[in-house]
Amino acid sequence: MKCIMILAICLFLAGGIVHTWAQGATHSIQIPETKLELKPGDGLTKVEAFCNICHSLDYIIMQPKLTRLQWTATVTKMIKVFGAPINEEDSRIITDYLTVHYGTGK
């Protein structure tokens, strides 16, 4: 008898959930549109063009302030390990930009 009561209650509750779902209740959320803007400077267009191919530019601003050597190693890793299509001259320009604007400057 107890099992029948529990089953009846479960079916009643499930019916209410199904009824609400079947009514087509919709919910929506509004995702804010934000455009990340990196600091202006020489090399910005190269950074936006090449870095944004593989990852969000948020990754740049989330980094701690790196030295020139560390930014060079990071850009080299993107090229050699992840296959970023960046030539040597553009690599230098990108590293210079990152060092000046998101690094220690050294």
Protein backbone atom coordinates (compact mmCIF):
# COMPACT_ATOMS: atom_id res chain seq x y z
CA MET A 1 0.00 0.00 0.00
CA LYS A 2 2.86 2.33 0.89
CA CYS A 3 4.50 1.62 -2.48
CA ILE A 4 1.32 2.52 -4.33
CA MET A 5 1.09 5.85 -2.46
CA ILE A 6 4.72 6.68 -3.24
CA LEU A 7 4.23 5.71 -6.88
CA ALA A 8 1.09 7.86 -7.08
CA ILE A 9 2.91 10.87 -5.62
CA CYS A 10 5.85 10.40 -8.02
CA LEU A 11 3.51 10.17 -11.00
CA PHE A 12 1.64 13.27 -9.85
CA LEU A 13 4.87 15.26 -9.51
CA ALA A 14 6.25 13.94 -12.80
CA GLY A 15 2.99 14.87 -14.52
CA GLY A 16 3.33 18.44 -13.30
CA ILE A 17 6.88 18.66 -14.55
CA VAL A 18 5.95 17.19 -17.94
CA HIS A 19 2.95 19.52 -18.18
CA THR A 20 5.13 22.58 -17.53
CA TRP A 21 7.70 21.36 -20.04
CA ALA A 22 5.04 20.56 -22.63
CA GLN A 23 3.62 24.07 -22.43
CA GLY A 24 6.77 25.21 -24.16
CA ALA A 25 8.08 27.32 -21.34
CA THR A 26 11.19 28.96 -22.70
CA HIS A 27 13.93 30.77 -20.96
CA SER A 28 16.50 32.99 -22.53
CA ILE A 29 19.64 34.66 -21.41
CA GLN A 30 21.35 37.70 -22.83
CA ILE A 31 25.06 37.30 -23.25
CA PRO A 32 26.78 40.67 -23.20
CA GLU A 33 28.80 41.50 -26.25
CA THR A 34 32.22 42.71 -25.32
CA LYS A 35 35.02 43.50 -27.67
CA LEU A 36 38.45 43.10 -26.23
CA GLU A 37 40.75 45.90 -27.23
CA LEU A 38 44.45 45.48 -26.81
CA LYS A 39 46.65 48.48 -26.07
CA PRO A 40 47.43 50.51 -29.19
CA GLY A 41 50.98 50.44 -30.48
CA ASP A 42 53.38 49.24 -33.15
CA GLY A 43 52.70 45.58 -33.89
CA LEU A 44 49.08 45.54 -32.73
CA THR A 45 47.73 44.59 -36.15
CA LYS A 46 50.15 41.65 -36.39
CA VAL A 47 49.15 40.45 -32.91
CA GLU A 48 45.44 40.71 -33.75
CA ALA A 49 45.93 38.99 -37.11
CA PHE A 50 48.16 36.10 -36.05
CA CYS A 51 47.36 35.41 -32.39
CA ASN A 52 43.61 35.53 -32.87
CA ILE A 53 43.79 32.74 -35.47
CA CYS A 54 44.20 30.10 -32.77
CA HIS A 55 43.01 31.63 -29.51
CA SER A 56 41.23 34.53 -27.93
CA LEU A 57 43.24 37.67 -27.36
CA ASP A 58 42.15 37.39 -23.72
CA TYR A 59 45.06 34.97 -23.33
CA ILE A 60 47.46 37.87 -23.83
CA ILE A 61 46.03 40.09 -21.14
CA MET A 62 45.67 37.19 -18.69
CA GLN A 63 49.42 36.52 -18.73
CA PRO A 64 51.65 37.86 -15.99
CA LYS A 65 54.08 40.55 -17.13
CA LEU A 66 56.71 38.52 -18.96
CA THR A 67 60.24 39.50 -19.90
CA ARG A 68 61.32 39.78 -23.54
CA LEU A 69 62.96 36.36 -23.23
CA GLN A 70 59.73 34.84 -21.91
CA TRP A 71 57.58 36.46 -24.63
CA THR A 72 60.09 35.28 -27.24
CA ALA A 73 59.82 31.74 -25.89
CA THR A 74 56.02 31.97 -25.89
CA VAL A 75 55.83 33.20 -29.49
CA THR A 76 58.39 30.56 -30.56
CA LYS A 77 56.30 27.87 -28.89
CA MET A 78 53.21 29.05 -30.77
CA ILE A 79 55.14 28.71 -34.03
CA LYS A 80 57.11 25.51 -33.46
CA VAL A 81 54.73 23.52 -31.25
CA PHE A 82 51.30 24.74 -32.34
CA GLY A 83 52.11 25.59 -35.97
CA ALA A 84 51.30 29.30 -35.99
CA PRO A 85 52.05 30.60 -39.50
CA ILE A 86 54.30 33.47 -38.39
CA ASN A 87 57.52 34.34 -40.19
CA GLU A 88 60.66 35.53 -38.42
CA GLU A 89 60.09 39.26 -39.00
CA ASP A 90 56.46 39.13 -37.82
CA SER A 91 57.57 37.06 -34.82
CA ARG A 92 59.97 39.85 -33.82
CA ILE A 93 57.27 42.51 -34.27
CA ILE A 94 54.79 40.51 -32.17
CA THR A 95 57.38 39.88 -29.46
CA ASP A 96 58.29 43.58 -29.36
CA TYR A 97 54.64 44.57 -29.00
CA LEU A 98 53.96 42.02 -26.26
CA THR A 99 57.11 42.96 -24.35
CA VAL A 100 56.35 46.69 -24.42
CA HIS A 101 52.60 46.54 -23.73
CA TYR A 102 52.11 43.32 -21.74
CA GLY A 103 55.55 42.63 -20.38
CA THR A 104 58.21 43.97 -18.12
CA GLY A 105 59.71 45.99 -20.97
CA LYS A 106 63.02 44.17 -20.46
